[in-house]
Amino acid sequence: GMVRVIGKAPAPTQDRPIPAEVYNIGCGHP
């Protein structure tokens, strides 16, 4: 997951002018 994220930086858009993102990275099975 990290390798994929590093290679694709967030870009500003009309709906999201600030290029900042936060993601959960987990298994999804408690």
All heavy atoms as atom14 arrays in JSON, in Angstrom:
{
  "sequence": "GMVRVIGKAPAPTQDRPIPAEVYNIGCGHP",
  "atom14_mask": [
    [1, 1, 1, 1, 0, 0, 0, 0, 0, 0, 0, 0, 0, 0],
    [1, 1, 1, 1, 1, 1, 1, 1, 0, 0, 0, 0, 0, 0],
    [1, 1, 1, 1, 1, 1, 1, 0, 0, 0, 0, 0, 0, 0],
    [1, 1, 1, 1, 1, 1, 1, 1, 1, 1, 1, 0, 0, 0],
    [1, 1, 1, 1, 1, 1, 1, 0, 0, 0, 0, 0, 0, 0],
    [1, 1, 1, 1, 1, 1, 1, 1, 0, 0, 0, 0, 0, 0],
    [1, 1, 1, 1, 0, 0, 0, 0, 0, 0, 0, 0, 0, 0],
    [1, 1, 1, 1, 1, 1, 1, 1, 1, 0, 0, 0, 0, 0],
    [1, 1, 1, 1, 1, 0, 0, 0, 0, 0, 0, 0, 0, 0],
    [1, 1, 1, 1, 1, 1, 1, 0, 0, 0, 0, 0, 0, 0],
    [1, 1, 1, 1, 1, 0, 0, 0, 0, 0, 0, 0, 0, 0],
    [1, 1, 1, 1, 1, 1, 1, 0, 0, 0, 0, 0, 0, 0],
    [1, 1, 1, 1, 1, 1, 1, 0, 0, 0, 0, 0, 0, 0],
    [1, 1, 1, 1, 1, 1, 1, 1, 1, 0, 0, 0, 0, 0],
    [1, 1, 1, 1, 1, 1, 1, 1, 0, 0, 0, 0, 0, 0],
    [1, 1, 1, 1, 1, 1, 1, 1, 1, 1, 1, 0, 0, 0],
    [1, 1, 1, 1, 1, 1, 1, 0, 0, 0, 0, 0, 0, 0],
    [1, 1, 1, 1, 1, 1, 1, 1, 0, 0, 0, 0, 0, 0],
    [1, 1, 1, 1, 1, 1, 1, 0, 0, 0, 0, 0, 0, 0],
    [1, 1, 1, 1, 1, 0, 0, 0, 0, 0, 0, 0, 0, 0],
    [1, 1, 1, 1, 1, 1, 1, 1, 1, 0, 0, 0, 0, 0],
    [1, 1, 1, 1, 1, 1, 1, 0, 0, 0, 0, 0, 0, 0],
    [1, 1, 1, 1, 1, 1, 1, 1, 1, 1, 1, 1, 0, 0],
    [1, 1, 1, 1, 1, 1, 1, 1, 0, 0, 0, 0, 0, 0],
    [1, 1, 1, 1, 1, 1, 1, 1, 0, 0, 0, 0, 0, 0],
    [1, 1, 1, 1, 0, 0, 0, 0, 0, 0, 0, 0, 0, 0],
    [1, 1, 1, 1, 1, 1, 0, 0, 0, 0, 0, 0, 0, 0],
    [1, 1, 1, 1, 0, 0, 0, 0, 0, 0, 0, 0, 0, 0],
    [1, 1, 1, 1, 1, 1, 1, 1, 1, 1, 0, 0, 0, 0],
    [1, 1, 1, 1, 1, 1, 1, 0, 0, 0, 0, 0, 0, 0]
  ],
  "atom14_positions": [
    [[0.81, -1.21, 0.0], [0.0, 0.0, 0.0], [0.85, 1.26, 0.0], [0.54, 2.23, -0.71], [0.0, 0.0, 0.0], [0.0, 0.0, 0.0], [0.0, 0.0, 0.0], [0.0, 0.0, 0.0], [0.0, 0.0, 0.0], [0.0, 0.0, 0.0], [0.0, 0.0, 0.0], [0.0, 0.0, 0.0], [0.0, 0.0, 0.0], [0.0, 0.0, 0.0]],
    [[1.93, 1.27, 0.77], [2.78, 2.45, 0.86], [3.45, 2.76, -0.47], [3.52, 3.92, -0.89], [3.83, 2.26, 1.94], [3.28, 2.23, 3.35], [4.59, 2.22, 4.59], [5.21, 3.91, 4.42], [0.0, 0.0, 0.0], [0.0, 0.0, 0.0], [0.0, 0.0, 0.0], [0.0, 0.0, 0.0], [0.0, 0.0, 0.0], [0.0, 0.0, 0.0]],
    [[3.96, 1.74, -1.13], [4.63, 1.94, -2.41], [3.67, 2.57, -3.43], [4.05, 3.46, -4.2], [5.2, 0.61, -2.94], [5.66, 0.74, -4.38], [6.37, 0.16, -2.06], [0.0, 0.0, 0.0], [0.0, 0.0, 0.0], [0.0, 0.0, 0.0], [0.0, 0.0, 0.0], [0.0, 0.0, 0.0], [0.0, 0.0, 0.0], [0.0, 0.0, 0.0]],
    [[2.45, 2.1, -3.43], [1.46, 2.67, -4.35], [1.17, 4.14, -4.03], [1.04, 4.96, -4.93], [0.17, 1.85, -4.3], [0.34, 0.4, -4.74], [-0.99, -0.31, -4.85], [-0.81, -1.73, -5.11], [-1.77, -2.55, -5.51], [-3.01, -2.07, -5.69], [-1.53, -3.83, -5.71], [0.0, 0.0, 0.0], [0.0, 0.0, 0.0], [0.0, 0.0, 0.0]],
    [[1.1, 4.45, -2.75], [0.81, 5.83, -2.34], [1.96, 6.75, -2.69], [1.76, 7.87, -3.19], [0.5, 5.87, -0.83], [0.5, 7.32, -0.31], [-0.84, 5.21, -0.53], [0.0, 0.0, 0.0], [0.0, 0.0, 0.0], [0.0, 0.0, 0.0], [0.0, 0.0, 0.0], [0.0, 0.0, 0.0], [0.0, 0.0, 0.0], [0.0, 0.0, 0.0]],
    [[3.19, 6.33, -2.42], [4.37, 7.18, -2.68], [4.42, 7.62, -4.13], [4.75, 8.77, -4.44], [5.66, 6.43, -2.29], [5.71, 6.21, -0.78], [6.9, 7.22, -2.74], [6.8, 5.24, -0.35], [0.0, 0.0, 0.0], [0.0, 0.0, 0.0], [0.0, 0.0, 0.0], [0.0, 0.0, 0.0], [0.0, 0.0, 0.0], [0.0, 0.0, 0.0]],
    [[4.07, 6.72, -5.03], [4.17, 7.01, -6.46], [3.06, 7.87, -7.02], [3.07, 8.2, -8.22], [0.0, 0.0, 0.0], [0.0, 0.0, 0.0], [0.0, 0.0, 0.0], [0.0, 0.0, 0.0], [0.0, 0.0, 0.0], [0.0, 0.0, 0.0], [0.0, 0.0, 0.0], [0.0, 0.0, 0.0], [0.0, 0.0, 0.0], [0.0, 0.0, 0.0]],
    [[2.08, 8.27, -6.21], [0.95, 9.05, -6.71], [0.6, 10.13, -5.69], [-0.18, 9.9, -4.77], [-0.26, 8.13, -6.97], [-1.47, 8.85, -7.56], [-2.63, 7.88, -7.74], [-3.88, 8.6, -8.27], [-5.04, 7.65, -8.39], [0.0, 0.0, 0.0], [0.0, 0.0, 0.0], [0.0, 0.0, 0.0], [0.0, 0.0, 0.0], [0.0, 0.0, 0.0]],
    [[1.17, 11.3, -5.87], [0.91, 12.4, -4.95], [-0.46, 13.01, -5.21], [-0.91, 13.07, -6.36], [1.99, 13.48, -5.11], [0.0, 0.0, 0.0], [0.0, 0.0, 0.0], [0.0, 0.0, 0.0], [0.0, 0.0, 0.0], [0.0, 0.0, 0.0], [0.0, 0.0, 0.0], [0.0, 0.0, 0.0], [0.0, 0.0, 0.0], [0.0, 0.0, 0.0]],
    [[-1.16, 13.45, -4.18], [-2.46, 14.1, -4.38], [-2.3, 15.42, -5.11], [-1.33, 16.16, -4.88], [-2.99, 14.3, -2.96], [-1.78, 14.31, -2.09], [-0.8, 13.37, -2.75], [0.0, 0.0, 0.0], [0.0, 0.0, 0.0], [0.0, 0.0, 0.0], [0.0, 0.0, 0.0], [0.0, 0.0, 0.0], [0.0, 0.0, 0.0], [0.0, 0.0, 0.0]],
    [[-3.22, 15.7, -6.01], [-3.19, 16.95, -6.78], [-4.44, 17.76, -6.45], [-5.5, 17.2, -6.21], [-3.13, 16.65, -8.27], [0.0, 0.0, 0.0], [0.0, 0.0, 0.0], [0.0, 0.0, 0.0], [0.0, 0.0, 0.0], [0.0, 0.0, 0.0], [0.0, 0.0, 0.0], [0.0, 0.0, 0.0], [0.0, 0.0, 0.0], [0.0, 0.0, 0.0]],
    [[-4.31, 19.08, -6.42], [-5.49, 19.91, -6.13], [-6.54, 19.78, -7.23], [-6.22, 19.7, -8.41], [-4.91, 21.33, -6.07], [-3.62, 21.27, -6.8], [-3.1, 19.88, -6.64], [0.0, 0.0, 0.0], [0.0, 0.0, 0.0], [0.0, 0.0, 0.0], [0.0, 0.0, 0.0], [0.0, 0.0, 0.0], [0.0, 0.0, 0.0], [0.0, 0.0, 0.0]],
    [[-7.78, 19.76, -6.82], [-8.9, 19.72, -7.75], [-9.9, 20.8, -7.36], [-9.75, 21.47, -6.34], [-9.59, 18.34, -7.73], [-10.18, 18.13, -6.43], [-8.6, 17.23, -8.03], [0.0, 0.0, 0.0], [0.0, 0.0, 0.0], [0.0, 0.0, 0.0], [0.0, 0.0, 0.0], [0.0, 0.0, 0.0], [0.0, 0.0, 0.0], [0.0, 0.0, 0.0]],
    [[-10.95, 20.95, -8.17], [-11.97, 21.94, -7.86], [-12.69, 21.6, -6.56], [-13.02, 22.48, -5.77], [-12.97, 22.03, -9.01], [-13.99, 23.16, -8.84], [-14.89, 23.32, -10.05], [-14.75, 22.6, -11.04], [-15.81, 24.27, -9.99], [0.0, 0.0, 0.0], [0.0, 0.0, 0.0], [0.0, 0.0, 0.0], [0.0, 0.0, 0.0], [0.0, 0.0, 0.0]],
    [[-12.93, 20.32, -6.35], [-13.6, 19.89, -5.14], [-12.67, 19.84, -3.93], [-13.12, 19.92, -2.79], [-14.24, 18.52, -5.35], [-15.33, 18.54, -6.42], [-15.97, 19.6, -6.59], [-15.53, 17.5, -7.08], [0.0, 0.0, 0.0], [0.0, 0.0, 0.0], [0.0, 0.0, 0.0], [0.0, 0.0, 0.0], [0.0, 0.0, 0.0], [0.0, 0.0, 0.0]],
    [[-11.36, 19.68, -4.2], [-10.39, 19.55, -3.12], [-9.17, 20.39, -3.49], [-8.2, 19.91, -4.02], [-10.0, 18.08, -2.93], [-9.15, 17.79, -1.71], [-8.47, 16.43, -1.86], [-7.59, 16.4, -3.03], [-7.16, 15.33, -3.64], [-7.55, 14.17, -3.24], [-6.36, 15.41, -4.71], [0.0, 0.0, 0.0], [0.0, 0.0, 0.0], [0.0, 0.0, 0.0]],
    [[-9.22, 21.69, -3.19], [-8.13, 22.57, -3.61], [-6.82, 22.35, -2.85], [-5.76, 22.74, -3.34], [-8.69, 23.97, -3.33], [-9.72, 23.77, -2.26], [-10.32, 22.42, -2.53], [0.0, 0.0, 0.0], [0.0, 0.0, 0.0], [0.0, 0.0, 0.0], [0.0, 0.0, 0.0], [0.0, 0.0, 0.0], [0.0, 0.0, 0.0], [0.0, 0.0, 0.0]],
    [[-6.88, 21.76, -1.67], [-5.68, 21.51, -0.87], [-5.18, 20.09, -1.14], [-5.92, 19.13, -0.95], [-5.96, 21.71, 0.63], [-6.35, 23.16, 0.9], [-4.74, 21.33, 1.45], [-6.73, 23.42, 2.34], [0.0, 0.0, 0.0], [0.0, 0.0, 0.0], [0.0, 0.0, 0.0], [0.0, 0.0, 0.0], [0.0, 0.0, 0.0], [0.0, 0.0, 0.0]],
    [[-3.92, 19.92, -1.6], [-3.4, 18.58, -1.96], [-2.97, 17.76, -0.75], [-1.8, 17.41, -0.59], [-2.22, 18.9, -2.87], [-1.71, 20.2, -2.35], [-2.93, 20.98, -1.89], [0.0, 0.0, 0.0], [0.0, 0.0, 0.0], [0.0, 0.0, 0.0], [0.0, 0.0, 0.0], [0.0, 0.0, 0.0], [0.0, 0.0, 0.0], [0.0, 0.0, 0.0]],
    [[-3.91, 17.45, 0.12], [-3.63, 16.69, 1.34], [-4.64, 15.56, 1.47], [-5.85, 15.79, 1.33], [-3.68, 17.59, 2.57], [0.0, 0.0, 0.0], [0.0, 0.0, 0.0], [0.0, 0.0, 0.0], [0.0, 0.0, 0.0], [0.0, 0.0, 0.0], [0.0, 0.0, 0.0], [0.0, 0.0, 0.0], [0.0, 0.0, 0.0], [0.0, 0.0, 0.0]],
    [[-4.14, 14.36, 1.72], [-5.01, 13.21, 1.89], [-4.6, 12.42, 3.12], [-3.44, 12.46, 3.57], [-4.95, 12.29, 0.66], [-5.67, 12.81, -0.57], [-7.17, 12.67, -0.46], [-7.69, 12.3, 0.62], [-7.84, 12.91, -1.49], [0.0, 0.0, 0.0], [0.0, 0.0, 0.0], [0.0, 0.0, 0.0], [0.0, 0.0, 0.0], [0.0, 0.0, 0.0]],
    [[-5.57, 11.7, 3.67], [-5.33, 10.77, 4.77], [-6.04, 9.47, 4.43], [-7.19, 9.49, 3.99], [-5.83, 11.32, 6.12], [-5.69, 10.26, 7.21], [-5.07, 12.58, 6.52], [0.0, 0.0, 0.0], [0.0, 0.0, 0.0], [0.0, 0.0, 0.0], [0.0, 0.0, 0.0], [0.0, 0.0, 0.0], [0.0, 0.0, 0.0], [0.0, 0.0, 0.0]],
    [[-5.35, 8.34, 4.62], [-5.91, 7.03, 4.31], [-5.73, 6.06, 5.49], [-4.69, 6.08, 6.16], [-5.22, 6.4, 3.09], [-5.45, 7.11, 1.78], [-4.55, 8.07, 1.33], [-6.55, 6.82, 0.99], [-4.74, 8.71, 0.12], [-6.75, 7.45, -0.23], [-5.84, 8.4, -0.65], [-6.05, 9.04, -1.86], [0.0, 0.0, 0.0], [0.0, 0.0, 0.0]],
    [[-6.73, 5.23, 5.7], [-6.55, 4.05, 6.54], [-5.77, 3.01, 5.74], [-6.03, 2.79, 4.56], [-7.9, 3.43, 6.92], [-8.68, 4.26, 7.9], [-8.12, 5.06, 8.65], [-9.99, 4.08, 7.91], [0.0, 0.0, 0.0], [0.0, 0.0, 0.0], [0.0, 0.0, 0.0], [0.0, 0.0, 0.0], [0.0, 0.0, 0.0], [0.0, 0.0, 0.0]],
    [[-4.83, 2.35, 6.4], [-4.14, 1.23, 5.77], [-4.11, 0.09, 6.79], [-3.36, 0.11, 7.77], [-2.74, 1.62, 5.26], [-2.05, 0.46, 4.58], [-1.88, 2.23, 6.36], [-0.84, 0.86, 3.75], [0.0, 0.0, 0.0], [0.0, 0.0, 0.0], [0.0, 0.0, 0.0], [0.0, 0.0, 0.0], [0.0, 0.0, 0.0], [0.0, 0.0, 0.0]],
    [[-4.98, -0.86, 6.58], [-5.14, -1.97, 7.51], [-5.68, -3.18, 6.79], [-5.82, -3.2, 5.56], [0.0, 0.0, 0.0], [0.0, 0.0, 0.0], [0.0, 0.0, 0.0], [0.0, 0.0, 0.0], [0.0, 0.0, 0.0], [0.0, 0.0, 0.0], [0.0, 0.0, 0.0], [0.0, 0.0, 0.0], [0.0, 0.0, 0.0], [0.0, 0.0, 0.0]],
    [[-6.02, -4.2, 7.54], [-6.52, -5.44, 6.97], [-8.02, -5.4, 6.73], [-8.54, -6.01, 5.81], [-6.16, -6.62, 7.88], [-6.52, -8.24, 7.18], [0.0, 0.0, 0.0], [0.0, 0.0, 0.0], [0.0, 0.0, 0.0], [0.0, 0.0, 0.0], [0.0, 0.0, 0.0], [0.0, 0.0, 0.0], [0.0, 0.0, 0.0], [0.0, 0.0, 0.0]],
    [[-8.74, -4.69, 7.61], [-10.18, -4.61, 7.48], [-10.92, -5.81, 8.05], [-12.09, -6.03, 7.75], [0.0, 0.0, 0.0], [0.0, 0.0, 0.0], [0.0, 0.0, 0.0], [0.0, 0.0, 0.0], [0.0, 0.0, 0.0], [0.0, 0.0, 0.0], [0.0, 0.0, 0.0], [0.0, 0.0, 0.0], [0.0, 0.0, 0.0], [0.0, 0.0, 0.0]],
    [[-10.2, -6.58, 8.91], [-10.82, -7.76, 9.54], [-10.38, -7.82, 11.0], [-9.37, -8.45, 11.32], [-10.41, -9.04, 8.81], [-10.86, -9.1, 7.38], [-12.17, -9.33, 7.02], [-10.18, -8.93, 6.23], [-12.27, -9.32, 5.7], [-11.09, -9.08, 5.19], [0.0, 0.0, 0.0], [0.0, 0.0, 0.0], [0.0, 0.0, 0.0], [0.0, 0.0, 0.0]],
    [[-11.1, -7.15, 11.9], [-10.68, -7.17, 13.31], [-10.76, -8.57, 13.9], [-11.63, -9.37, 13.55], [-11.69, -6.23, 13.98], [-12.89, -6.28, 13.1], [-12.35, -6.42, 11.7], [0.0, 0.0, 0.0], [0.0, 0.0, 0.0], [0.0, 0.0, 0.0], [0.0, 0.0, 0.0], [0.0, 0.0, 0.0], [0.0, 0.0, 0.0], [0.0, 0.0, 0.0]]
  ]
}
